[in-house]
Amino acid sequence: MIDVTKMTGEQITLNLNLIEMIEETPDTVITLTTGKKIIVKESRQMIKNLVILYMKECHSAN
């Protein structure tokens, strides 16, 4: 799970398993497998970095 910031400033925690696609249009839009779209302040690259960091933490905890 990663923390992202909605355009309203609200921070949410996002389940990585629900991410289907991330676009920059120029706002960053995360499309979930449910069809819901979330616009966030973080860049596409920043979200990729957060996912990678989270996955590394999960694998090193074992």
PDB file of N, CA and C in Angstrom:
ATOM      1  N   MET A   1       0.854  -1.168   0.000  1.00  0.00           N
ATOM      2  CA  MET A   1       0.000   0.000   0.000  1.00  0.00           C
ATOM      3  C   MET A   1       0.903   1.234   0.000  1.00  0.00           C
ATOM      4  N   ILE A   2       0.476   2.240  -0.747  1.00  0.00           N
ATOM      5  CA  ILE A   2       1.251   3.484  -0.817  1.00  0.00           C
ATOM      6  C   ILE A   2       0.328   4.658  -0.500  1.00  0.00           C
ATOM      7  N   ASP A   3       0.923   5.724  -0.008  1.00  0.00           N
ATOM      8  CA  ASP A   3       0.184   6.951   0.283  1.00  0.00           C
ATOM      9  C   ASP A   3       0.329   7.908  -0.895  1.00  0.00           C
ATOM     10  N   VAL A   4      -0.804   8.451  -1.336  1.00  0.00           N
ATOM     11  CA  VAL A   4      -0.822   9.454  -2.401  1.00  0.00           C
ATOM     12  C   VAL A   4      -1.701  10.615  -1.954  1.00  0.00           C
ATOM     13  N   THR A   5      -1.569  11.745  -2.640  1.00  0.00           N
ATOM     14  CA  THR A   5      -2.304  12.956  -2.276  1.00  0.00           C
ATOM     15  C   THR A   5      -3.277  13.324  -3.378  1.00  0.00           C
ATOM     16  N   LYS A   6      -4.567  13.360  -3.053  1.00  0.00           N
ATOM     17  CA  LYS A   6      -5.572  13.794  -4.022  1.00  0.00           C
ATOM     18  C   LYS A   6      -5.408  15.294  -4.265  1.00  0.00           C
ATOM     19  N   MET A   7      -5.981  15.794  -5.321  1.00  0.00           N
ATOM     20  CA  MET A   7      -5.839  17.214  -5.671  1.00  0.00           C
ATOM     21  C   MET A   7      -6.442  18.131  -4.600  1.00  0.00           C
ATOM     22  N   THR A   8      -7.329  17.604  -3.773  1.00  0.00           N
ATOM     23  CA  THR A   8      -7.929  18.375  -2.681  1.00  0.00           C
ATOM     24  C   THR A   8      -6.995  18.506  -1.489  1.00  0.00           C
ATOM     25  N   GLY A   9      -5.856  17.775  -1.533  1.00  0.00           N
ATOM     26  CA  GLY A   9      -4.914  17.789  -0.423  1.00  0.00           C
ATOM     27  C   GLY A   9      -5.117  16.607   0.522  1.00  0.00           C
ATOM     28  N   GLU A  10      -6.187  15.857   0.314  1.00  0.00           N
ATOM     29  CA  GLU A  10      -6.481  14.704   1.156  1.00  0.00           C
ATOM     30  C   GLU A  10      -5.506  13.571   0.832  1.00  0.00           C
ATOM     31  N   GLN A  11      -4.888  13.005   1.871  1.00  0.00           N
ATOM     32  CA  GLN A  11      -3.992  11.868   1.671  1.00  0.00           C
ATOM     33  C   GLN A  11      -4.790  10.580   1.787  1.00  0.00           C
ATOM     34  N   ILE A  12      -4.525   9.657   0.860  1.00  0.00           N
ATOM     35  CA  ILE A  12      -5.183   8.365   0.897  1.00  0.00           C
ATOM     36  C   ILE A  12      -4.125   7.271   0.759  1.00  0.00           C
ATOM     37  N   THR A  13      -4.464   6.096   1.241  1.00  0.00           N
ATOM     38  CA  THR A  13      -3.595   4.935   1.094  1.00  0.00           C
ATOM     39  C   THR A  13      -4.207   4.044   0.038  1.00  0.00           C
ATOM     40  N   LEU A  14      -3.410   3.698  -0.946  1.00  0.00           N
ATOM     41  CA  LEU A  14      -3.894   2.996  -2.121  1.00  0.00           C
ATOM     42  C   LEU A  14      -3.357   1.568  -2.160  1.00  0.00           C
ATOM     43  N   ASN A  15      -4.244   0.616  -2.393  1.00  0.00           N
ATOM     44  CA  ASN A  15      -3.869  -0.785  -2.535  1.00  0.00           C
ATOM     45  C   ASN A  15      -3.255  -0.987  -3.915  1.00  0.00           C
ATOM     46  N   LEU A  16      -2.010  -1.430  -3.949  1.00  0.00           N
ATOM     47  CA  LEU A  16      -1.294  -1.594  -5.223  1.00  0.00           C
ATOM     48  C   LEU A  16      -1.961  -2.602  -6.148  1.00  0.00           C
ATOM     49  N   ASN A  17      -2.628  -3.588  -5.576  1.00  0.00           N
ATOM     50  CA  ASN A  17      -3.272  -4.625  -6.381  1.00  0.00           C
ATOM     51  C   ASN A  17      -4.444  -4.087  -7.201  1.00  0.00           C
ATOM     52  N   LEU A  18      -4.925  -2.892  -6.866  1.00  0.00           N
ATOM     53  CA  LEU A  18      -6.060  -2.308  -7.574  1.00  0.00           C
ATOM     54  C   LEU A  18      -5.640  -1.380  -8.714  1.00  0.00           C
ATOM     55  N   ILE A  19      -4.334  -1.076  -8.813  1.00  0.00           N
ATOM     56  CA  ILE A  19      -3.876  -0.162  -9.859  1.00  0.00           C
ATOM     57  C   ILE A  19      -3.836  -0.889 -11.194  1.00  0.00           C
ATOM     58  N   GLU A  20      -4.556  -0.342 -12.157  1.00  0.00           N
ATOM     59  CA  GLU A  20      -4.533  -0.899 -13.510  1.00  0.00           C
ATOM     60  C   GLU A  20      -3.612  -0.074 -14.413  1.00  0.00           C
ATOM     61  N   MET A  21      -3.680   1.270 -14.252  1.00  0.00           N
ATOM     62  CA  MET A  21      -2.932   2.142 -15.158  1.00  0.00           C
ATOM     63  C   MET A  21      -2.693   3.492 -14.487  1.00  0.00           C
ATOM     64  N   ILE A  22      -1.578   4.124 -14.845  1.00  0.00           N
ATOM     65  CA  ILE A  22      -1.260   5.474 -14.372  1.00  0.00           C
ATOM     66  C   ILE A  22      -0.941   6.313 -15.599  1.00  0.00           C
ATOM     67  N   GLU A  23      -1.627   7.462 -15.728  1.00  0.00           N
ATOM     68  CA  GLU A  23      -1.419   8.357 -16.871  1.00  0.00           C
ATOM     69  C   GLU A  23      -1.094   9.759 -16.381  1.00  0.00           C
ATOM     70  N   GLU A  24      -0.377  10.521 -17.200  1.00  0.00           N
ATOM     71  CA  GLU A  24      -0.181  11.953 -16.951  1.00  0.00           C
ATOM     72  C   GLU A  24      -0.819  12.697 -18.119  1.00  0.00           C
ATOM     73  N   THR A  25      -1.851  13.498 -17.797  1.00  0.00           N
ATOM     74  CA  THR A  25      -2.658  14.085 -18.886  1.00  0.00           C
ATOM     75  C   THR A  25      -2.903  15.599 -18.767  1.00  0.00           C
ATOM     76  N   PRO A  26      -2.205  16.517 -18.262  1.00  0.00           N
ATOM     77  CA  PRO A  26      -0.945  16.462 -17.531  1.00  0.00           C
ATOM     78  C   PRO A  26      -1.111  16.056 -16.067  1.00  0.00           C
ATOM     79  N   ASP A  27      -2.340  16.095 -15.506  1.00  0.00           N
ATOM     80  CA  ASP A  27      -2.523  15.612 -14.138  1.00  0.00           C
ATOM     81  C   ASP A  27      -2.298  14.106 -14.111  1.00  0.00           C
ATOM     82  N   THR A  28      -1.867  13.598 -12.966  1.00  0.00           N
ATOM     83  CA  THR A  28      -1.654  12.160 -12.829  1.00  0.00           C
ATOM     84  C   THR A  28      -2.977  11.499 -12.480  1.00  0.00           C
ATOM     85  N   VAL A  29      -3.402  10.588 -13.345  1.00  0.00           N
ATOM     86  CA  VAL A  29      -4.674   9.883 -13.167  1.00  0.00           C
ATOM     87  C   VAL A  29      -4.366   8.406 -12.955  1.00  0.00           C
ATOM     88  N   ILE A  30      -4.827   7.891 -11.811  1.00  0.00           N
ATOM     89  CA  ILE A  30      -4.668   6.471 -11.510  1.00  0.00           C
ATOM     90  C   ILE A  30      -6.008   5.809 -11.804  1.00  0.00           C
ATOM     91  N   THR A  31      -5.996   4.814 -12.687  1.00  0.00           N
ATOM     92  CA  THR A  31      -7.194   4.037 -12.978  1.00  0.00           C
ATOM     93  C   THR A  31      -7.093   2.728 -12.220  1.00  0.00           C
ATOM     94  N   LEU A  32      -8.136   2.425 -11.461  1.00  0.00           N
ATOM     95  CA  LEU A  32      -8.162   1.197 -10.679  1.00  0.00           C
ATOM     96  C   LEU A  32      -8.859   0.087 -11.458  1.00  0.00           C
ATOM     97  N   THR A  33      -8.647  -1.144 -11.051  1.00  0.00           N
ATOM     98  CA  THR A  33      -9.270  -2.288 -11.711  1.00  0.00           C
ATOM     99  C   THR A  33     -10.793  -2.238 -11.588  1.00  0.00           C
ATOM    100  N   THR A  34     -11.293  -1.455 -10.653  1.00  0.00           N
ATOM    101  CA  THR A  34     -12.736  -1.300 -10.474  1.00  0.00           C
ATOM    102  C   THR A  34     -13.335  -0.316 -11.473  1.00  0.00           C
ATOM    103  N   GLY A  35     -12.460   0.399 -12.218  1.00  0.00           N
ATOM    104  CA  GLY A  35     -12.913   1.416 -13.155  1.00  0.00           C
ATOM    105  C   GLY A  35     -12.862   2.822 -12.573  1.00  0.00           C
ATOM    106  N   LYS A  36     -12.697   2.925 -11.260  1.00  0.00           N
ATOM    107  CA  LYS A  36     -12.618   4.232 -10.610  1.00  0.00           C
ATOM    108  C   LYS A  36     -11.316   4.918 -10.993  1.00  0.00           C
ATOM    109  N   LYS A  37     -11.378   6.238 -11.164  1.00  0.00           N
ATOM    110  CA  LYS A  37     -10.191   7.032 -11.490  1.00  0.00           C
ATOM    111  C   LYS A  37      -9.932   8.004 -10.348  1.00  0.00           C
ATOM    112  N   ILE A  38      -8.659   8.144  -9.979  1.00  0.00           N
ATOM    113  CA  ILE A  38      -8.256   9.055  -8.909  1.00  0.00           C
ATOM    114  C   ILE A  38      -7.182   9.979  -9.474  1.00  0.00           C
ATOM    115  N   ILE A  39      -7.379  11.287  -9.316  1.00  0.00           N
ATOM    116  CA  ILE A  39      -6.388  12.278  -9.755  1.00  0.00           C
ATOM    117  C   ILE A  39      -5.550  12.648  -8.537  1.00  0.00           C
ATOM    118  N   VAL A  40      -4.235  12.532  -8.688  1.00  0.00           N
ATOM    119  CA  VAL A  40      -3.336  12.777  -7.560  1.00  0.00           C
ATOM    120  C   VAL A  40      -2.267  13.802  -7.920  1.00  0.00           C
ATOM    121  N   LYS A  41      -1.627  14.350  -6.885  1.00  0.00           N
ATOM    122  CA  LYS A  41      -0.585  15.366  -7.085  1.00  0.00           C
ATOM    123  C   LYS A  41       0.759  14.767  -7.479  1.00  0.00           C
ATOM    124  N   GLU A  42       1.026  13.530  -7.065  1.00  0.00           N
ATOM    125  CA  GLU A  42       2.306  12.895  -7.358  1.00  0.00           C
ATOM    126  C   GLU A  42       2.422  12.600  -8.851  1.00  0.00           C
ATOM    127  N   SER A  43       3.652  12.630  -9.347  1.00  0.00           N
ATOM    128  CA  SER A  43       3.893  12.303 -10.751  1.00  0.00           C
ATOM    129  C   SER A  43       3.814  10.790 -10.957  1.00  0.00           C
ATOM    130  N   ARG A  44       3.698  10.392 -12.203  1.00  0.00           N
ATOM    131  CA  ARG A  44       3.683   8.968 -12.545  1.00  0.00           C
ATOM    132  C   ARG A  44       4.975   8.299 -12.078  1.00  0.00           C
ATOM    133  N   GLN A  45       6.099   8.980 -12.295  1.00  0.00           N
ATOM    134  CA  GLN A  45       7.393   8.428 -11.876  1.00  0.00           C
ATOM    135  C   GLN A  45       7.474   8.300 -10.359  1.00  0.00           C
ATOM    136  N   MET A  46       6.946   9.280  -9.632  1.00  0.00           N
ATOM    137  CA  MET A  46       6.966   9.222  -8.165  1.00  0.00           C
ATOM    138  C   MET A  46       6.148   8.027  -7.672  1.00  0.00           C
ATOM    139  N   ILE A  47       5.020   7.772  -8.299  1.00  0.00           N
ATOM    140  CA  ILE A  47       4.195   6.630  -7.904  1.00  0.00           C
ATOM    141  C   ILE A  47       4.935   5.327  -8.193  1.00  0.00           C
ATOM    142  N   LYS A  48       5.602   5.250  -9.341  1.00  0.00           N
ATOM    143  CA  LYS A  48       6.407   4.063  -9.655  1.00  0.00           C
ATOM    144  C   LYS A  48       7.476   3.853  -8.601  1.00  0.00           C
ATOM    145  N   ASN A  49       8.134   4.933  -8.186  1.00  0.00           N
ATOM    146  CA  ASN A  49       9.173   4.836  -7.166  1.00  0.00           C
ATOM    147  C   ASN A  49       8.595   4.367  -5.833  1.00  0.00           C
ATOM    148  N   LEU A  50       7.414   4.861  -5.463  1.00  0.00           N
ATOM    149  CA  LEU A  50       6.765   4.435  -4.220  1.00  0.00           C
ATOM    150  C   LEU A  50       6.416   2.949  -4.267  1.00  0.00           C
ATOM    151  N   VAL A  51       5.950   2.491  -5.415  1.00  0.00           N
ATOM    152  CA  VAL A  51       5.608   1.070  -5.577  1.00  0.00           C
ATOM    153  C   VAL A  51       6.864   0.215  -5.441  1.00  0.00           C
ATOM    154  N   ILE A  52       7.941   0.616  -6.103  1.00  0.00           N
ATOM    155  CA  ILE A  52       9.198  -0.127  -6.040  1.00  0.00           C
ATOM    156  C   ILE A  52       9.713  -0.182  -4.599  1.00  0.00           C
ATOM    157  N   LEU A  53       9.686   0.953  -3.914  1.00  0.00           N
ATOM    158  CA  LEU A  53      10.140   1.011  -2.524  1.00  0.00           C
ATOM    159  C   LEU A  53       9.295   0.096  -1.641  1.00  0.00           C
ATOM    160  N   TYR A  54       7.993   0.127  -1.823  1.00  0.00           N
ATOM    161  CA  TYR A  54       7.102  -0.722  -1.039  1.00  0.00           C
ATOM    162  C   TYR A  54       7.402  -2.198  -1.287  1.00  0.00           C
ATOM    163  N   MET A  55       7.584  -2.570  -2.547  1.00  0.00           N
ATOM    164  CA  MET A  55       7.870  -3.963  -2.882  1.00  0.00           C
ATOM    165  C   MET A  55       9.207  -4.415  -2.290  1.00  0.00           C
ATOM    166  N   LYS A  56      10.205  -3.544  -2.320  1.00  0.00           N
ATOM    167  CA  LYS A  56      11.500  -3.877  -1.713  1.00  0.00           C
ATOM    168  C   LYS A  56      11.350  -4.086  -0.217  1.00  0.00           C
ATOM    169  N   GLU A  57      10.565  -3.226   0.450  1.00  0.00           N
ATOM    170  CA  GLU A  57      10.331  -3.365   1.886  1.00  0.00           C
ATOM    171  C   GLU A  57       9.633  -4.676   2.205  1.00  0.00           C
ATOM    172  N   CYS A  58       8.682  -5.051   1.378  1.00  0.00           N
ATOM    173  CA  CYS A  58       7.950  -6.306   1.599  1.00  0.00           C
ATOM    174  C   CYS A  58       8.873  -7.508   1.464  1.00  0.00           C
ATOM    175  N   HIS A  59       9.738  -7.482   0.467  1.00  0.00           N
ATOM    176  CA  HIS A  59      10.630  -8.619   0.229  1.00  0.00           C
ATOM    177  C   HIS A  59      11.767  -8.697   1.254  1.00  0.00           C
ATOM    178  N   SER A  60      12.194  -7.551   1.779  1.00  0.00           N
ATOM    179  CA  SER A  60      13.277  -7.577   2.764  1.00  0.00           C
ATOM    180  C   SER A  60      12.768  -7.947   4.157  1.00  0.00           C
ATOM    181  N   ALA A  61      11.458  -7.833   4.391  1.00  0.00           N
ATOM    182  CA  ALA A  61      10.883  -8.169   5.697  1.00  0.00           C
ATOM    183  C   ALA A  61      10.782  -9.678   5.895  1.00  0.00           C
ATOM    184  N   ASN A  62      10.898 -10.445   4.824  1.00  0.00           N
ATOM    185  CA  ASN A  62      10.755 -11.913   4.929  1.00  0.00           C
ATOM    186  C   ASN A  62      12.039 -12.566   5.300  1.00  0.00           C
TER     187      ASN A  62
END
